């Protein structure tokens, strides 16, 4: 266990070509789950938690860690399972999502494994809208589930998708005409957040559930264009962490295709505090916007649409 905890900080800086490192953990029972190490600040034995009046039922309490007060979410209870009761024997995964730091209470932490995003598959058909999974993979002949943390956080503290009056502008869509914006994100919640945030611009959007889905759609559209995909797709907003193909690889594929390369790409991700800006430049993306501030996203979309005119 000490080896896992000692290595987390170093491994959070790793960004590979369509690859990731998962920190494996357990909740209640033998089922294993994973979280991208790139989002993890540290893992520690659960300290004493302080309960707050009228706190959300999924919040186990708050912990004072390194001079910061952090809310600790019972990950098992948050996805509909039984509460983790033996907190003194449990662990907290300190992670940064969407510009804020949270603690996730888990029953046990195992090890870190290196995988390709190609090994990460979308959730099985039939899991439904209530599913908390964004991907699944197989490790040691056992299924490992990747949780939709953005959905969990949004249920506890819903994110506003409303644009300010200064940013909302339906003439943007009028100027685009029939040209569309491609949105790629493996989280249903995140896709809908982006969609709702950009609707006040009057734009038409196509939604993709991961990088491979987005690339397949783009290739099909490009085949119907005379010279460049920008005849029909004005811009793409893409998450980075997605099964089958991540946003880095998707961007590199787009920028490496002479009939797609002039389409602006905005990487829109919850990888905020530990984000590697050099990787954005390497794959050729035009912009990076941390999740989730609707005005910032819409402003960036307007900027790059006008920049490409």
C-alpha atoms as a PDB file:
ATOM      1  CA  UNK A   1       0.000   0.000   0.000  1.00  0.00           C
ATOM      2  CA  UNK A   2       2.809   2.437   0.820  1.00  0.00           C
ATOM      3  CA  UNK A   3       4.181   2.003  -2.695  1.00  0.00           C
ATOM      4  CA  UNK A   4       0.841   2.999  -4.190  1.00  0.00           C
ATOM      5  CA  UNK A   5       0.488   6.085  -2.044  1.00  0.00           C
ATOM      6  CA  UNK A   6       4.082   7.203  -2.585  1.00  0.00           C
ATOM      7  CA  UNK A   7       3.857   6.938  -6.368  1.00  0.00           C
ATOM      8  CA  UNK A   8       0.569   8.763  -6.969  1.00  0.00           C
ATOM      9  CA  UNK A   9       2.031  12.275  -7.124  1.00  0.00           C
ATOM     10  CA  UNK A  10       4.630  11.321  -9.718  1.00  0.00           C
ATOM     11  CA  UNK A  11       2.186   9.383 -11.853  1.00  0.00           C
ATOM     12  CA  UNK A  12      -0.349  12.230 -12.007  1.00  0.00           C
ATOM     13  CA  UNK A  13       2.016  14.000 -14.381  1.00  0.00           C
ATOM     14  CA  UNK A  14       1.892  11.194 -16.947  1.00  0.00           C
ATOM     15  CA  UNK A  15       0.073  11.846 -20.193  1.00  0.00           C
ATOM     16  CA  UNK A  16       0.471   9.121 -22.816  1.00  0.00           C
ATOM     17  CA  UNK A  17      -0.665   8.566 -26.354  1.00  0.00           C
ATOM     18  CA  UNK A  18      -4.169   7.145 -25.938  1.00  0.00           C
ATOM     19  CA  UNK A  19      -3.179   5.522 -22.653  1.00  0.00           C
ATOM     20  CA  UNK A  20      -3.968   6.033 -19.019  1.00  0.00           C
ATOM     21  CA  UNK A  21      -3.182   4.746 -15.571  1.00  0.00           C
ATOM     22  CA  UNK A  22      -6.006   3.606 -13.329  1.00  0.00           C
ATOM     23  CA  UNK A  23      -5.976   3.532  -9.563  1.00  0.00           C
ATOM     24  CA  UNK A  24      -8.024   0.450  -8.653  1.00  0.00           C
ATOM     25  CA  UNK A  25     -10.272   0.569  -5.603  1.00  0.00           C
ATOM     26  CA  UNK A  26     -13.173  -1.297  -3.987  1.00  0.00           C
ATOM     27  CA  UNK A  27     -16.386  -0.141  -2.414  1.00  0.00           C
ATOM     28  CA  UNK A  28     -18.627  -2.717  -0.720  1.00  0.00           C
ATOM     29  CA  UNK A  29     -18.003  -6.237  -1.985  1.00  0.00           C
ATOM     30  CA  UNK A  30     -15.521  -7.658  -4.461  1.00  0.00           C
ATOM     31  CA  UNK A  31     -16.337  -5.446  -7.453  1.00  0.00           C
ATOM     32  CA  UNK A  32     -13.392  -3.291  -8.513  1.00  0.00           C
ATOM     33  CA  UNK A  33     -13.560   0.274  -9.781  1.00  0.00           C
ATOM     34  CA  UNK A  34     -11.024   2.604 -11.310  1.00  0.00           C
ATOM     35  CA  UNK A  35     -10.164   6.299 -11.365  1.00  0.00           C
ATOM     36  CA  UNK A  36      -7.655   7.979 -13.667  1.00  0.00           C
ATOM     37  CA  UNK A  37      -4.500   8.649 -11.664  1.00  0.00           C
ATOM     38  CA  UNK A  38      -4.114  11.915 -13.576  1.00  0.00           C
ATOM     39  CA  UNK A  39      -6.954  13.324 -11.444  1.00  0.00           C
ATOM     40  CA  UNK A  40      -5.678  12.006  -8.125  1.00  0.00           C
ATOM     41  CA  UNK A  41      -3.814  14.295  -5.739  1.00  0.00           C
ATOM     42  CA  UNK A  42      -3.208  11.720  -3.044  1.00  0.00           C
ATOM     43  CA  UNK A  43      -4.634   8.682  -1.280  1.00  0.00           C
ATOM     44  CA  UNK A  44      -4.695   8.460   2.490  1.00  0.00           C
ATOM     45  CA  UNK A  45      -6.178   6.491   5.345  1.00  0.00           C
ATOM     46  CA  UNK A  46      -9.507   8.051   6.241  1.00  0.00           C
ATOM     47  CA  UNK A  47      -8.968  10.670   8.968  1.00  0.00           C
ATOM     48  CA  UNK A  48     -11.568  11.656  11.516  1.00  0.00           C
ATOM     49  CA  UNK A  49     -14.537  13.210   9.725  1.00  0.00           C
ATOM     50  CA  UNK A  50     -16.670  16.073  10.973  1.00  0.00           C
ATOM     51  CA  UNK A  51     -20.385  16.049  10.221  1.00  0.00           C
ATOM     52  CA  UNK A  52     -22.097  19.265   9.189  1.00  0.00           C
ATOM     53  CA  UNK A  53     -25.704  20.290   9.859  1.00  0.00           C
ATOM     54  CA  UNK A  54     -28.043  19.493   6.950  1.00  0.00           C
ATOM     55  CA  UNK A  55     -25.236  18.013   4.871  1.00  0.00           C
ATOM     56  CA  UNK A  56     -26.099  16.065   1.724  1.00  0.00           C
ATOM     57  CA  UNK A  57     -26.859  12.399   2.544  1.00  0.00           C
ATOM     58  CA  UNK A  58     -24.032  11.306   0.235  1.00  0.00           C
ATOM     59  CA  UNK A  59     -21.497  13.433   2.104  1.00  0.00           C
ATOM     60  CA  UNK A  60     -19.888  11.435   4.887  1.00  0.00           C
ATOM     61  CA  UNK A  61     -18.439  14.562   6.458  1.00  0.00           C
ATOM     62  CA  UNK A  62     -15.567  16.971   5.983  1.00  0.00           C
ATOM     63  CA  UNK A  63     -11.880  16.371   6.587  1.00  0.00           C
ATOM     64  CA  UNK A  64      -9.173  18.904   7.334  1.00  0.00           C
ATOM     65  CA  UNK A  65      -6.239  17.907   5.148  1.00  0.00           C
ATOM     66  CA  UNK A  66      -3.074  19.973   4.688  1.00  0.00           C
ATOM     67  CA  UNK A  67      -4.785  23.192   5.673  1.00  0.00           C
ATOM     68  CA  UNK A  68      -7.797  22.621   3.439  1.00  0.00           C
ATOM     69  CA  UNK A  69     -11.340  21.571   4.340  1.00  0.00           C
ATOM     70  CA  UNK A  70     -12.527  18.884   1.925  1.00  0.00           C
ATOM     71  CA  UNK A  71     -15.966  17.317   1.573  1.00  0.00           C
ATOM     72  CA  UNK A  72     -15.811  13.526   1.641  1.00  0.00           C
ATOM     73  CA  UNK A  73     -18.329  11.694  -0.546  1.00  0.00           C
ATOM     74  CA  UNK A  74     -19.343   8.127   0.299  1.00  0.00           C
ATOM     75  CA  UNK A  75     -18.769   6.714  -3.188  1.00  0.00           C
ATOM     76  CA  UNK A  76     -20.712   3.527  -2.489  1.00  0.00           C
ATOM     77  CA  UNK A  77     -23.815   5.325  -1.263  1.00  0.00           C
ATOM     78  CA  UNK A  78     -23.588   7.899  -4.073  1.00  0.00           C
ATOM     79  CA  UNK A  79     -24.053   5.177  -6.715  1.00  0.00           C
ATOM     80  CA  UNK A  80     -26.937   3.493  -4.908  1.00  0.00           C
ATOM     81  CA  UNK A  81     -25.046   0.985  -2.795  1.00  0.00           C
ATOM     82  CA  UNK A  82     -24.813   0.549   0.978  1.00  0.00           C
ATOM     83  CA  UNK A  83     -22.998   3.181   3.004  1.00  0.00           C
ATOM     84  CA  UNK A  84     -19.386   2.588   4.001  1.00  0.00           C
ATOM     85  CA  UNK A  85     -19.558   2.394   7.788  1.00  0.00           C
ATOM     86  CA  UNK A  86     -16.055   1.354   8.861  1.00  0.00           C
ATOM     87  CA  UNK A  87     -14.441   4.682   8.054  1.00  0.00           C
ATOM     88  CA  UNK A  88     -11.409   4.046  10.251  1.00  0.00           C
ATOM     89  CA  UNK A  89     -10.527   1.082   8.010  1.00  0.00           C
ATOM     90  CA  UNK A  90     -11.301   2.949   4.778  1.00  0.00           C
ATOM     91  CA  UNK A  91      -9.408   5.302   2.494  1.00  0.00           C
ATOM     92  CA  UNK A  92      -9.974   8.691   0.914  1.00  0.00           C
ATOM     93  CA  UNK A  93      -9.018   9.381  -2.682  1.00  0.00           C
ATOM     94  CA  UNK A  94      -8.361  13.122  -2.962  1.00  0.00           C
ATOM     95  CA  UNK A  95      -9.112  14.144  -6.546  1.00  0.00           C
ATOM     96  CA  UNK A  96      -9.679  17.303  -8.533  1.00  0.00           C
ATOM     97  CA  UNK A  97     -12.714  17.529 -10.795  1.00  0.00           C
ATOM     98  CA  UNK A  98     -14.208  20.577 -12.452  1.00  0.00           C
ATOM     99  CA  UNK A  99     -12.025  23.117 -10.660  1.00  0.00           C
ATOM    100  CA  UNK A 100     -12.682  21.796  -7.161  1.00  0.00           C
ATOM    101  CA  UNK A 101     -11.147  19.223  -4.844  1.00  0.00           C
ATOM    102  CA  UNK A 102     -13.210  16.386  -3.398  1.00  0.00           C
ATOM    103  CA  UNK A 103     -12.535  13.376  -1.241  1.00  0.00           C
ATOM    104  CA  UNK A 104     -14.028  10.028  -2.231  1.00  0.00           C
ATOM    105  CA  UNK A 105     -14.479   7.518   0.588  1.00  0.00           C
ATOM    106  CA  UNK A 106     -13.696   3.988  -0.608  1.00  0.00           C
ATOM    107  CA  UNK A 107     -13.412   0.709   1.287  1.00  0.00           C
ATOM    108  CA  UNK A 108     -10.017  -0.265  -0.092  1.00  0.00           C
ATOM    109  CA  UNK A 109      -7.315   0.786  -2.557  1.00  0.00           C
ATOM    110  CA  UNK A 110      -5.381  -1.833  -4.546  1.00  0.00           C
ATOM    111  CA  UNK A 111      -2.807  -0.796  -7.133  1.00  0.00           C
ATOM    112  CA  UNK A 112      -2.159   1.238 -10.260  1.00  0.00           C
ATOM    113  CA  UNK A 113      -2.404  -0.356 -13.701  1.00  0.00           C
ATOM    114  CA  UNK A 114      -1.452   1.013 -17.108  1.00  0.00           C
ATOM    115  CA  UNK A 115      -3.928   0.560 -19.952  1.00  0.00           C
ATOM    116  CA  UNK A 116      -4.690   1.840 -23.422  1.00  0.00           C
ATOM    117  CA  UNK A 117      -7.897   3.800 -23.918  1.00  0.00           C
ATOM    118  CA  UNK A 118      -8.605   1.180 -26.594  1.00  0.00           C
ATOM    119  CA  UNK A 119      -8.982  -1.315 -23.730  1.00  0.00           C
ATOM    120  CA  UNK A 120     -11.712   0.848 -22.206  1.00  0.00           C
ATOM    121  CA  UNK A 121     -15.130  -0.010 -23.574  1.00  0.00           C
ATOM    122  CA  UNK A 122     -18.390   1.946 -23.296  1.00  0.00           C
ATOM    123  CA  UNK A 123     -20.860   0.576 -20.709  1.00  0.00           C
ATOM    124  CA  UNK A 124     -22.889  -2.415 -21.911  1.00  0.00           C
ATOM    125  CA  UNK A 125     -26.072  -1.654 -23.801  1.00  0.00           C
ATOM    126  CA  UNK A 126     -29.086  -1.594 -21.533  1.00  0.00           C
ATOM    127  CA  UNK A 127     -27.420   0.022 -18.523  1.00  0.00           C
ATOM    128  CA  UNK A 128     -29.822   2.944 -19.013  1.00  0.00           C
ATOM    129  CA  UNK A 129     -29.726   6.615 -18.109  1.00  0.00           C
ATOM    130  CA  UNK A 130     -29.460   5.795 -14.412  1.00  0.00           C
ATOM    131  CA  UNK A 131     -26.091   4.075 -14.894  1.00  0.00           C
ATOM    132  CA  UNK A 132     -23.101   5.600 -13.145  1.00  0.00           C
ATOM    133  CA  UNK A 133     -20.613   4.062 -15.577  1.00  0.00           C
ATOM    134  CA  UNK A 134     -18.707   5.802 -18.357  1.00  0.00           C
ATOM    135  CA  UNK A 135     -16.562   2.805 -19.277  1.00  0.00           C
ATOM    136  CA  UNK A 136     -15.619  -0.746 -18.364  1.00  0.00           C
ATOM    137  CA  UNK A 137     -12.487  -2.802 -18.861  1.00  0.00           C
ATOM    138  CA  UNK A 138     -11.124  -6.217 -17.884  1.00  0.00           C
ATOM    139  CA  UNK A 139      -8.188  -6.692 -15.540  1.00  0.00           C
ATOM    140  CA  UNK A 140      -7.104 -10.067 -14.192  1.00  0.00           C
ATOM    141  CA  UNK A 141     -10.191 -11.664 -15.796  1.00  0.00           C
ATOM    142  CA  UNK A 142     -12.476  -9.395 -13.765  1.00  0.00           C
ATOM    143  CA  UNK A 143     -14.557  -6.464 -14.962  1.00  0.00           C
ATOM    144  CA  UNK A 144     -13.488  -3.061 -13.663  1.00  0.00           C
ATOM    145  CA  UNK A 145     -15.982  -0.193 -13.797  1.00  0.00           C
ATOM    146  CA  UNK A 146     -15.094   3.445 -14.411  1.00  0.00           C
ATOM    147  CA  UNK A 147     -17.595   5.657 -12.647  1.00  0.00           C
ATOM    148  CA  UNK A 148     -19.182   8.780 -14.101  1.00  0.00           C
ATOM    149  CA  UNK A 149     -17.863  11.078 -11.390  1.00  0.00           C
ATOM    150  CA  UNK A 150     -19.284  14.137 -13.144  1.00  0.00           C
ATOM    151  CA  UNK A 151     -22.764  12.655 -12.825  1.00  0.00           C
ATOM    152  CA  UNK A 152     -22.221  11.898  -9.140  1.00  0.00           C
ATOM    153  CA  UNK A 153     -20.982  15.418  -8.422  1.00  0.00           C
ATOM    154  CA  UNK A 154     -23.793  16.987 -10.443  1.00  0.00           C
ATOM    155  CA  UNK A 155     -26.411  15.088  -8.419  1.00  0.00           C
ATOM    156  CA  UNK A 156     -24.885  16.349  -5.173  1.00  0.00           C
ATOM    157  CA  UNK A 157     -24.258  19.897  -6.364  1.00  0.00           C
ATOM    158  CA  UNK A 158     -25.973  20.571  -9.722  1.00  0.00           C
ATOM    159  CA  UNK A 159     -23.979  22.649 -12.186  1.00  0.00           C
ATOM    160  CA  UNK A 160     -25.626  25.694 -13.743  1.00  0.00           C
ATOM    161  CA  UNK A 161     -25.558  25.660 -17.543  1.00  0.00           C
ATOM    162  CA  UNK A 162     -27.142  29.102 -17.955  1.00  0.00           C
ATOM    163  CA  UNK A 163     -25.298  31.709 -20.006  1.00  0.00           C
ATOM    164  CA  UNK A 164     -25.149  35.312 -18.943  1.00  0.00           C
ATOM    165  CA  UNK A 165     -27.063  37.801 -21.066  1.00  0.00           C
ATOM    166  CA  UNK A 166     -23.762  39.284 -22.243  1.00  0.00           C
ATOM    167  CA  UNK A 167     -22.613  35.964 -23.740  1.00  0.00           C
ATOM    168  CA  UNK A 168     -25.890  34.507 -25.083  1.00  0.00           C
ATOM    169  CA  UNK A 169     -26.209  35.423 -28.763  1.00  0.00           C
ATOM    170  CA  UNK A 170     -28.454  33.548 -31.190  1.00  0.00           C
ATOM    171  CA  UNK A 171     -26.911  35.368 -34.160  1.00  0.00           C
ATOM    172  CA  UNK A 172     -23.956  32.963 -33.835  1.00  0.00           C
ATOM    173  CA  UNK A 173     -26.180  30.157 -35.100  1.00  0.00           C
ATOM    174  CA  UNK A 174     -27.657  32.362 -37.798  1.00  0.00           C
ATOM    175  CA  UNK A 175     -24.166  33.074 -39.120  1.00  0.00           C
ATOM    176  CA  UNK A 176     -23.301  29.356 -39.102  1.00  0.00           C
ATOM    177  CA  UNK A 177     -26.338  28.451 -41.164  1.00  0.00           C
ATOM    178  CA  UNK A 178     -26.449  24.669 -41.582  1.00  0.00           C
ATOM    179  CA  UNK A 179     -22.919  24.111 -40.261  1.00  0.00           C
ATOM    180  CA  UNK A 180     -22.788  22.193 -36.981  1.00  0.00           C
ATOM    181  CA  UNK A 181     -20.630  21.872 -33.873  1.00  0.00           C
ATOM    182  CA  UNK A 182     -19.421  18.405 -32.833  1.00  0.00           C
ATOM    183  CA  UNK A 183     -19.548  17.607 -29.101  1.00  0.00           C
ATOM    184  CA  UNK A 184     -17.583  14.567 -27.870  1.00  0.00           C
ATOM    185  CA  UNK A 185     -17.847  13.399 -24.252  1.00  0.00           C
ATOM    186  CA  UNK A 186     -18.312   9.976 -22.684  1.00  0.00           C
ATOM    187  CA  UNK A 187     -20.376  11.362 -19.796  1.00  0.00           C
ATOM    188  CA  UNK A 188     -24.063  11.760 -20.647  1.00  0.00           C
ATOM    189  CA  UNK A 189     -24.307  14.474 -17.992  1.00  0.00           C
ATOM    190  CA  UNK A 190     -21.332  16.383 -19.420  1.00  0.00           C
ATOM    191  CA  UNK A 191     -22.619  16.125 -23.004  1.00  0.00           C
ATOM    192  CA  UNK A 192     -25.965  17.535 -21.959  1.00  0.00           C
ATOM    193  CA  UNK A 193     -24.287  20.297 -19.942  1.00  0.00           C
ATOM    194  CA  UNK A 194     -22.350  21.408 -23.014  1.00  0.00           C
ATOM    195  CA  UNK A 195     -25.440  21.142 -25.194  1.00  0.00           C
ATOM    196  CA  UNK A 196     -27.544  23.267 -22.855  1.00  0.00           C
ATOM    197  CA  UNK A 197     -24.755  25.828 -22.454  1.00  0.00           C
ATOM    198  CA  UNK A 198     -24.395  26.324 -26.207  1.00  0.00           C
ATOM    199  CA  UNK A 199     -28.094  26.281 -27.118  1.00  0.00           C
ATOM    200  CA  UNK A 200     -28.464  30.040 -26.392  1.00  0.00           C
ATOM    201  CA  UNK A 201     -26.009  30.619 -29.244  1.00  0.00           C
ATOM    202  CA  UNK A 202     -28.554  29.132 -31.625  1.00  0.00           C
ATOM    203  CA  UNK A 203     -26.086  26.535 -32.945  1.00  0.00           C
ATOM    204  CA  UNK A 204     -26.863  23.030 -34.193  1.00  0.00           C
ATOM    205  CA  UNK A 205     -24.875  20.279 -32.474  1.00  0.00           C
ATOM    206  CA  UNK A 206     -23.998  16.649 -33.164  1.00  0.00           C
ATOM    207  CA  UNK A 207     -23.211  14.532 -30.085  1.00  0.00           C
ATOM    208  CA  UNK A 208     -20.617  11.740 -29.847  1.00  0.00           C
ATOM    209  CA  UNK A 209     -20.217   9.356 -26.897  1.00  0.00           C
ATOM    210  CA  UNK A 210     -16.426   9.015 -27.201  1.00  0.00           C
ATOM    211  CA  UNK A 211     -13.474   9.910 -29.405  1.00  0.00           C
ATOM    212  CA  UNK A 212     -13.895   6.992 -31.793  1.00  0.00           C
ATOM    213  CA  UNK A 213     -17.587   7.781 -32.253  1.00  0.00           C
ATOM    214  CA  UNK A 214     -16.714  11.426 -32.981  1.00  0.00           C
ATOM    215  CA  UNK A 215     -14.011  10.462 -35.488  1.00  0.00           C
ATOM    216  CA  UNK A 216     -16.344   8.024 -37.258  1.00  0.00           C
ATOM    217  CA  UNK A 217     -18.998  10.733 -37.557  1.00  0.00           C
ATOM    218  CA  UNK A 218     -16.456  13.269 -38.809  1.00  0.00           C
ATOM    219  CA  UNK A 219     -15.071  10.882 -41.434  1.00  0.00           C
ATOM    220  CA  UNK A 220     -18.583  10.191 -42.703  1.00  0.00           C
ATOM    221  CA  UNK A 221     -19.340  13.923 -42.917  1.00  0.00           C
ATOM    222  CA  UNK A 222     -15.974  14.735 -44.504  1.00  0.00           C
ATOM    223  CA  UNK A 223     -16.699  12.272 -47.302  1.00  0.00           C
ATOM    224  CA  UNK A 224     -19.666  14.450 -48.340  1.00  0.00           C
ATOM    225  CA  UNK A 225     -17.642  17.705 -48.440  1.00  0.00           C
ATOM    226  CA  UNK A 226     -16.013  19.146 -51.550  1.00  0.00           C
ATOM    227  CA  UNK A 227     -12.734  20.245 -49.972  1.00  0.00           C
ATOM    228  CA  UNK A 228     -12.827  20.627 -46.165  1.00  0.00           C
ATOM    229  CA  UNK A 229     -14.962  19.347 -43.329  1.00  0.00           C
ATOM    230  CA  UNK A 230     -15.451  22.955 -42.197  1.00  0.00           C
ATOM    231  CA  UNK A 231     -18.014  23.217 -44.986  1.00  0.00           C
ATOM    232  CA  UNK A 232     -20.313  21.283 -42.631  1.00  0.00           C
ATOM    233  CA  UNK A 233     -18.618  21.118 -39.201  1.00  0.00           C
ATOM    234  CA  UNK A 234     -17.477  24.503 -37.908  1.00  0.00           C
ATOM    235  CA  UNK A 235     -15.811  23.419 -34.661  1.00  0.00           C
ATOM    236  CA  UNK A 236     -15.393  20.524 -32.228  1.00  0.00           C
ATOM    237  CA  UNK A 237     -15.587  20.549 -28.422  1.00  0.00           C
ATOM    238  CA  UNK A 238     -14.035  17.384 -26.995  1.00  0.00           C
ATOM    239  CA  UNK A 239     -13.457  15.847 -23.605  1.00  0.00           C
ATOM    240  CA  UNK A 240     -10.035  14.268 -23.049  1.00  0.00           C
ATOM    241  CA  UNK A 241     -10.811  11.127 -21.035  1.00  0.00           C
ATOM    242  CA  UNK A 242     -12.965   8.842 -23.197  1.00  0.00           C
ATOM    243  CA  UNK A 243     -13.038   5.084 -23.846  1.00  0.00           C
ATOM    244  CA  UNK A 244     -11.788   3.630 -27.142  1.00  0.00           C
ATOM    245  CA  UNK A 245     -10.118   6.903 -28.165  1.00  0.00           C
ATOM    246  CA  UNK A 246      -9.203   9.816 -25.925  1.00  0.00           C
ATOM    247  CA  UNK A 247      -9.424  13.490 -26.821  1.00  0.00           C
ATOM    248  CA  UNK A 248      -5.687  13.838 -27.430  1.00  0.00           C
ATOM    249  CA  UNK A 249      -5.704  11.063 -30.018  1.00  0.00           C
ATOM    250  CA  UNK A 250      -8.930  12.329 -31.573  1.00  0.00           C
ATOM    251  CA  UNK A 251      -7.398  15.793 -31.954  1.00  0.00           C
ATOM    252  CA  UNK A 252      -4.201  14.359 -33.446  1.00  0.00           C
ATOM    253  CA  UNK A 253      -6.265  12.345 -35.958  1.00  0.00           C
ATOM    254  CA  UNK A 254      -8.233  15.447 -36.951  1.00  0.00           C
ATOM    255  CA  UNK A 255      -5.167  17.662 -37.256  1.00  0.00           C
ATOM    256  CA  UNK A 256      -3.331  14.980 -39.220  1.00  0.00           C
ATOM    257  CA  UNK A 257      -6.087  14.858 -41.857  1.00  0.00           C
ATOM    258  CA  UNK A 258      -5.613  17.629 -44.437  1.00  0.00           C
ATOM    259  CA  UNK A 259      -9.360  17.822 -45.049  1.00  0.00           C
ATOM    260  CA  UNK A 260     -10.092  18.241 -41.315  1.00  0.00           C
ATOM    261  CA  UNK A 261      -7.046  20.086 -40.000  1.00  0.00           C
ATOM    262  CA  UNK A 262      -8.540  23.585 -40.325  1.00  0.00           C
ATOM    263  CA  UNK A 263     -11.455  22.710 -38.002  1.00  0.00           C
ATOM    264  CA  UNK A 264     -10.835  24.339 -34.578  1.00  0.00           C
ATOM    265  CA  UNK A 265     -10.735  21.933 -31.615  1.00  0.00           C
ATOM    266  CA  UNK A 266     -11.488  22.994 -28.044  1.00  0.00           C
ATOM    267  CA  UNK A 267     -10.490  20.474 -25.387  1.00  0.00           C
ATOM    268  CA  UNK A 268     -13.017  20.717 -22.551  1.00  0.00           C
ATOM    269  CA  UNK A 269     -12.109  18.601 -19.568  1.00  0.00           C
ATOM    270  CA  UNK A 270     -12.287  18.140 -15.813  1.00  0.00           C
ATOM    271  CA  UNK A 271      -8.501  17.625 -15.850  1.00  0.00           C
ATOM    272  CA  UNK A 272      -7.957  21.077 -14.430  1.00  0.00           C
ATOM    273  CA  UNK A 273      -5.335  21.530 -11.746  1.00  0.00           C
ATOM    274  CA  UNK A 274      -2.903  18.943 -13.144  1.00  0.00           C
ATOM    275  CA  UNK A 275      -3.511  19.647 -16.792  1.00  0.00           C
ATOM    276  CA  UNK A 276      -0.497  19.371 -19.136  1.00  0.00           C
ATOM    277  CA  UNK A 277      -0.656  22.365 -21.501  1.00  0.00           C
ATOM    278  CA  UNK A 278       2.290  21.079 -23.511  1.00  0.00           C
ATOM    279  CA  UNK A 279       0.162  18.120 -24.611  1.00  0.00           C
ATOM    280  CA  UNK A 280      -2.495  20.467 -26.024  1.00  0.00           C
ATOM    281  CA  UNK A 281       0.117  22.196 -28.159  1.00  0.00           C
ATOM    282  CA  UNK A 282       1.589  18.861 -29.225  1.00  0.00           C
ATOM    283  CA  UNK A 283      -1.670  17.517 -30.652  1.00  0.00           C
ATOM    284  CA  UNK A 284      -2.600  20.879 -32.172  1.00  0.00           C
ATOM    285  CA  UNK A 285      -5.764  21.826 -30.288  1.00  0.00           C
ATOM    286  CA  UNK A 286      -6.720  25.482 -30.511  1.00  0.00           C
ATOM    287  CA  UNK A 287      -7.881  25.902 -26.915  1.00  0.00           C
ATOM    288  CA  UNK A 288      -8.361  24.269 -23.521  1.00  0.00           C
ATOM    289  CA  UNK A 289     -11.285  25.100 -21.240  1.00  0.00           C
ATOM    290  CA  UNK A 290     -11.530  23.462 -17.780  1.00  0.00           C
ATOM    291  CA  UNK A 291     -15.002  22.172 -16.902  1.00  0.00           C
ATOM    292  CA  UNK A 292     -17.421  23.646 -16.210  1.00  0.00           C
ATOM    293  CA  UNK A 293     -18.143  27.318 -16.699  1.00  0.00           C
ATOM    294  CA  UNK A 294     -20.743  27.918 -19.423  1.00  0.00           C
ATOM    295  CA  UNK A 295     -19.731  31.521 -20.142  1.00  0.00           C
ATOM    296  CA  UNK A 296     -16.080  30.560 -20.645  1.00  0.00           C
ATOM    297  CA  UNK A 297     -16.996  27.680 -22.941  1.00  0.00           C
ATOM    298  CA  UNK A 298     -19.446  29.739 -25.015  1.00  0.00           C
ATOM    299  CA  UNK A 299     -16.980  32.623 -25.262  1.00  0.00           C
ATOM    300  CA  UNK A 300     -14.269  30.264 -26.526  1.00  0.00           C
ATOM    301  CA  UNK A 301     -16.688  28.769 -29.073  1.00  0.00           C
ATOM    302  CA  UNK A 302     -17.580  32.234 -30.376  1.00  0.00           C
ATOM    303  CA  UNK A 303     -13.904  33.218 -30.496  1.00  0.00           C
ATOM    304  CA  UNK A 304     -12.813  30.259 -32.611  1.00  0.00           C
ATOM    305  CA  UNK A 305     -15.822  30.377 -34.882  1.00  0.00           C
ATOM    306  CA  UNK A 306     -14.991  33.974 -35.735  1.00  0.00           C
ATOM    307  CA  UNK A 307     -11.263  33.215 -35.893  1.00  0.00           C
ATOM    308  CA  UNK A 308     -11.878  30.622 -38.591  1.00  0.00           C
ATOM    309  CA  UNK A 309     -14.059  32.813 -40.793  1.00  0.00           C
END
